[in-house]
Amino acid sequence: MPSNADIVDAMSDAIARGDALTIMGLVSRDICWTAHAADPGDVPWFGVFRGKRELVGLFEAFTTVQYTDVSRKAMLVDGDLVMTWVHVAFIGPTGRPGETDEALIWRLADGKVVSVDVFFDTAAVAAAFG
């Protein structure tokens, strides 16, 4: 069975490729993905996405931008908890650039991702949509 770090790596790679089939195989049926933001309406992927059906919409929202850099800076693993620090740069749908560092807290159970909490500079991301 792959380690939790391997599962997060596979999930991150699948997200970068836009590989929905792999993503759905790596998450639990009741996945909860939360992109913490004060104003969830500013960007299509801000807010809470519950279950595989809503997760599909989240990853479709990611296609509204052109990613120019997605680089992991660090990963910490403690049992079923994995934390990653990622630098993300992109061109928003308005043509404006956006850039932020993200801290992602991944919780896993029985070899599946059950929740992800994402913390980032929401104002910097929203500016690329404004």
C-alpha atoms as a PDB file:
ATOM      1  CA  MET A   1       0.000   0.000   0.000  1.00  0.00           C
ATOM      2  CA  PRO A   2       1.411   3.451  -0.864  1.00  0.00           C
ATOM      3  CA  SER A   3       2.394   5.777   1.962  1.00  0.00           C
ATOM      4  CA  ASN A   4       0.327   8.871   2.726  1.00  0.00           C
ATOM      5  CA  ALA A   5       3.131  10.990   1.237  1.00  0.00           C
ATOM      6  CA  ASP A   6       2.894   8.917  -1.960  1.00  0.00           C
ATOM      7  CA  ILE A   7      -0.878   9.430  -2.087  1.00  0.00           C
ATOM      8  CA  VAL A   8      -0.538  13.213  -1.662  1.00  0.00           C
ATOM      9  CA  ASP A   9       2.182  13.228  -4.347  1.00  0.00           C
ATOM     10  CA  ALA A  10      -0.097  11.284  -6.710  1.00  0.00           C
ATOM     11  CA  MET A  11      -3.010  13.601  -5.936  1.00  0.00           C
ATOM     12  CA  SER A  12      -0.881  16.718  -6.499  1.00  0.00           C
ATOM     13  CA  ASP A  13       0.416  15.347  -9.802  1.00  0.00           C
ATOM     14  CA  ALA A  14      -3.118  14.447 -10.932  1.00  0.00           C
ATOM     15  CA  ILE A  15      -4.358  17.947 -10.071  1.00  0.00           C
ATOM     16  CA  ALA A  16      -1.497  19.491 -12.078  1.00  0.00           C
ATOM     17  CA  ARG A  17      -2.393  17.284 -15.076  1.00  0.00           C
ATOM     18  CA  GLY A  18      -6.140  17.840 -14.720  1.00  0.00           C
ATOM     19  CA  ASP A  19      -6.554  14.056 -14.364  1.00  0.00           C
ATOM     20  CA  ALA A  20     -10.043  13.805 -12.813  1.00  0.00           C
ATOM     21  CA  LEU A  21     -10.161   9.991 -13.006  1.00  0.00           C
ATOM     22  CA  THR A  22      -7.016   9.611 -10.889  1.00  0.00           C
ATOM     23  CA  ILE A  23      -8.197  12.302  -8.459  1.00  0.00           C
ATOM     24  CA  MET A  24     -11.539  10.544  -7.910  1.00  0.00           C
ATOM     25  CA  GLY A  25      -9.701   7.286  -7.219  1.00  0.00           C
ATOM     26  CA  LEU A  26      -7.564   8.907  -4.531  1.00  0.00           C
ATOM     27  CA  VAL A  27     -10.293  10.665  -2.528  1.00  0.00           C
ATOM     28  CA  SER A  28     -12.970   9.307  -0.221  1.00  0.00           C
ATOM     29  CA  ARG A  29     -16.617   9.469  -1.270  1.00  0.00           C
ATOM     30  CA  ASP A  30     -17.206  12.084   1.442  1.00  0.00           C
ATOM     31  CA  ILE A  31     -14.154  14.253   0.658  1.00  0.00           C
ATOM     32  CA  CYS A  32     -14.266  17.779   2.071  1.00  0.00           C
ATOM     33  CA  TRP A  33     -12.029  20.344   0.335  1.00  0.00           C
ATOM     34  CA  THR A  34     -11.965  23.791   1.954  1.00  0.00           C
ATOM     35  CA  ALA A  35     -10.233  26.780   0.382  1.00  0.00           C
ATOM     36  CA  HIS A  36     -10.366  29.201   3.302  1.00  0.00           C
ATOM     37  CA  ALA A  37     -11.381  32.687   2.151  1.00  0.00           C
ATOM     38  CA  ALA A  38     -13.177  35.609   3.783  1.00  0.00           C
ATOM     39  CA  ASP A  39     -15.146  36.259   0.571  1.00  0.00           C
ATOM     40  CA  PRO A  40     -15.835  32.877  -1.050  1.00  0.00           C
ATOM     41  CA  GLY A  41     -17.615  34.479  -4.023  1.00  0.00           C
ATOM     42  CA  ASP A  42     -14.465  36.219  -5.299  1.00  0.00           C
ATOM     43  CA  VAL A  43     -12.948  33.178  -7.047  1.00  0.00           C
ATOM     44  CA  PRO A  44     -14.697  29.984  -8.231  1.00  0.00           C
ATOM     45  CA  TRP A  45     -12.547  27.704  -6.061  1.00  0.00           C
ATOM     46  CA  PHE A  46     -12.895  29.622  -2.791  1.00  0.00           C
ATOM     47  CA  GLY A  47     -15.169  27.915  -0.267  1.00  0.00           C
ATOM     48  CA  VAL A  48     -16.127  24.404   0.790  1.00  0.00           C
ATOM     49  CA  PHE A  49     -16.599  21.496  -1.616  1.00  0.00           C
ATOM     50  CA  ARG A  50     -18.152  18.324  -0.173  1.00  0.00           C
ATOM     51  CA  GLY A  51     -18.271  14.952  -1.847  1.00  0.00           C
ATOM     52  CA  LYS A  52     -16.919  13.782  -5.181  1.00  0.00           C
ATOM     53  CA  ARG A  53     -19.632  15.528  -7.189  1.00  0.00           C
ATOM     54  CA  GLU A  54     -18.712  18.985  -5.835  1.00  0.00           C
ATOM     55  CA  LEU A  55     -15.017  18.181  -6.168  1.00  0.00           C
ATOM     56  CA  VAL A  56     -15.468  17.797  -9.934  1.00  0.00           C
ATOM     57  CA  GLY A  57     -16.737  21.399 -10.027  1.00  0.00           C
ATOM     58  CA  LEU A  58     -13.752  22.564  -8.023  1.00  0.00           C
ATOM     59  CA  PHE A  59     -11.267  21.074 -10.456  1.00  0.00           C
ATOM     60  CA  GLU A  60     -13.223  22.441 -13.421  1.00  0.00           C
ATOM     61  CA  ALA A  61     -12.851  25.880 -11.794  1.00  0.00           C
ATOM     62  CA  PHE A  62      -9.063  25.404 -11.742  1.00  0.00           C
ATOM     63  CA  THR A  63      -9.135  25.314 -15.556  1.00  0.00           C
ATOM     64  CA  THR A  64     -10.176  28.987 -15.657  1.00  0.00           C
ATOM     65  CA  VAL A  65      -6.540  29.979 -15.149  1.00  0.00           C
ATOM     66  CA  GLN A  66      -3.254  29.181 -16.863  1.00  0.00           C
ATOM     67  CA  TYR A  67      -0.717  27.918 -14.348  1.00  0.00           C
ATOM     68  CA  THR A  68       2.817  29.174 -14.911  1.00  0.00           C
ATOM     69  CA  ASP A  69       4.407  27.648 -11.803  1.00  0.00           C
ATOM     70  CA  VAL A  70       3.382  25.072  -9.231  1.00  0.00           C
ATOM     71  CA  SER A  71       6.354  24.202  -7.027  1.00  0.00           C
ATOM     72  CA  ARG A  72       6.335  22.316  -3.752  1.00  0.00           C
ATOM     73  CA  LYS A  73       8.582  23.907  -1.155  1.00  0.00           C
ATOM     74  CA  ALA A  74       8.085  21.377   1.654  1.00  0.00           C
ATOM     75  CA  MET A  75       6.114  18.381   2.881  1.00  0.00           C
ATOM     76  CA  LEU A  76       5.629  17.203   6.469  1.00  0.00           C
ATOM     77  CA  VAL A  77       4.035  13.864   7.320  1.00  0.00           C
ATOM     78  CA  ASP A  78       2.664  12.756  10.682  1.00  0.00           C
ATOM     79  CA  GLY A  79       0.617   9.588  10.364  1.00  0.00           C
ATOM     80  CA  ASP A  80      -2.648  10.370   8.554  1.00  0.00           C
ATOM     81  CA  LEU A  81      -1.834  14.082   8.427  1.00  0.00           C
ATOM     82  CA  VAL A  82       0.245  15.530   5.579  1.00  0.00           C
ATOM     83  CA  MET A  83       1.089  19.201   5.209  1.00  0.00           C
ATOM     84  CA  THR A  84       2.468  20.724   2.027  1.00  0.00           C
ATOM     85  CA  TRP A  85       3.758  24.195   1.246  1.00  0.00           C
ATOM     86  CA  VAL A  86       3.367  25.082  -2.427  1.00  0.00           C
ATOM     87  CA  HIS A  87       4.166  28.143  -4.524  1.00  0.00           C
ATOM     88  CA  VAL A  88       1.574  28.817  -7.251  1.00  0.00           C
ATOM     89  CA  ALA A  89       1.737  31.391 -10.058  1.00  0.00           C
ATOM     90  CA  PHE A  90      -0.880  31.762 -12.773  1.00  0.00           C
ATOM     91  CA  ILE A  91      -2.562  34.002 -15.318  1.00  0.00           C
ATOM     92  CA  GLY A  92      -6.167  34.717 -14.351  1.00  0.00           C
ATOM     93  CA  PRO A  93      -9.137  34.744 -16.727  1.00  0.00           C
ATOM     94  CA  THR A  94      -8.774  38.532 -17.063  1.00  0.00           C
ATOM     95  CA  GLY A  95      -5.145  38.143 -18.217  1.00  0.00           C
ATOM     96  CA  ARG A  96      -3.814  39.439 -14.898  1.00  0.00           C
ATOM     97  CA  PRO A  97      -1.082  37.449 -13.169  1.00  0.00           C
ATOM     98  CA  GLY A  98      -1.587  35.947  -9.733  1.00  0.00           C
ATOM     99  CA  GLU A  99       0.857  34.429  -7.299  1.00  0.00           C
ATOM    100  CA  THR A 100       0.627  32.964  -3.807  1.00  0.00           C
ATOM    101  CA  ASP A 101       2.130  30.441  -1.443  1.00  0.00           C
ATOM    102  CA  GLU A 102      -0.324  27.828  -0.212  1.00  0.00           C
ATOM    103  CA  ALA A 103      -0.313  25.715   2.920  1.00  0.00           C
ATOM    104  CA  LEU A 104      -2.373  22.558   2.406  1.00  0.00           C
ATOM    105  CA  ILE A 105      -3.378  20.276   5.250  1.00  0.00           C
ATOM    106  CA  TRP A 106      -4.305  16.835   3.932  1.00  0.00           C
ATOM    107  CA  ARG A 107      -6.082  14.295   6.145  1.00  0.00           C
ATOM    108  CA  LEU A 108      -6.117  10.685   4.991  1.00  0.00           C
ATOM    109  CA  ALA A 109      -7.820   7.506   6.165  1.00  0.00           C
ATOM    110  CA  ASP A 110      -7.551   3.987   4.769  1.00  0.00           C
ATOM    111  CA  GLY A 111      -5.435   5.152   1.837  1.00  0.00           C
ATOM    112  CA  LYS A 112      -7.841   7.889   0.696  1.00  0.00           C
ATOM    113  CA  VAL A 113      -7.810  11.680   1.041  1.00  0.00           C
ATOM    114  CA  VAL A 114     -10.747  12.576   3.314  1.00  0.00           C
ATOM    115  CA  SER A 115     -10.149  16.310   3.667  1.00  0.00           C
ATOM    116  CA  VAL A 116      -7.955  19.130   2.430  1.00  0.00           C
ATOM    117  CA  ASP A 117      -7.736  22.578   4.008  1.00  0.00           C
ATOM    118  CA  VAL A 118      -6.025  25.208   1.862  1.00  0.00           C
ATOM    119  CA  PHE A 119      -4.692  28.478   3.291  1.00  0.00           C
ATOM    120  CA  PHE A 120      -3.308  31.176   0.971  1.00  0.00           C
ATOM    121  CA  ASP A 121      -3.279  34.885   0.139  1.00  0.00           C
ATOM    122  CA  THR A 122      -6.863  35.134  -1.080  1.00  0.00           C
ATOM    123  CA  ALA A 123      -6.526  38.847  -1.935  1.00  0.00           C
ATOM    124  CA  ALA A 124      -3.617  38.132  -4.299  1.00  0.00           C
ATOM    125  CA  VAL A 125      -5.590  35.365  -6.024  1.00  0.00           C
ATOM    126  CA  ALA A 126      -8.799  37.415  -6.230  1.00  0.00           C
ATOM    127  CA  ALA A 127      -6.875  40.331  -7.797  1.00  0.00           C
ATOM    128  CA  ALA A 128      -6.174  38.144 -10.848  1.00  0.00           C
ATOM    129  CA  PHE A 129      -9.939  37.693 -11.244  1.00  0.00           C
ATOM    130  CA  GLY A 130     -10.932  41.351 -10.738  1.00  0.00           C
END
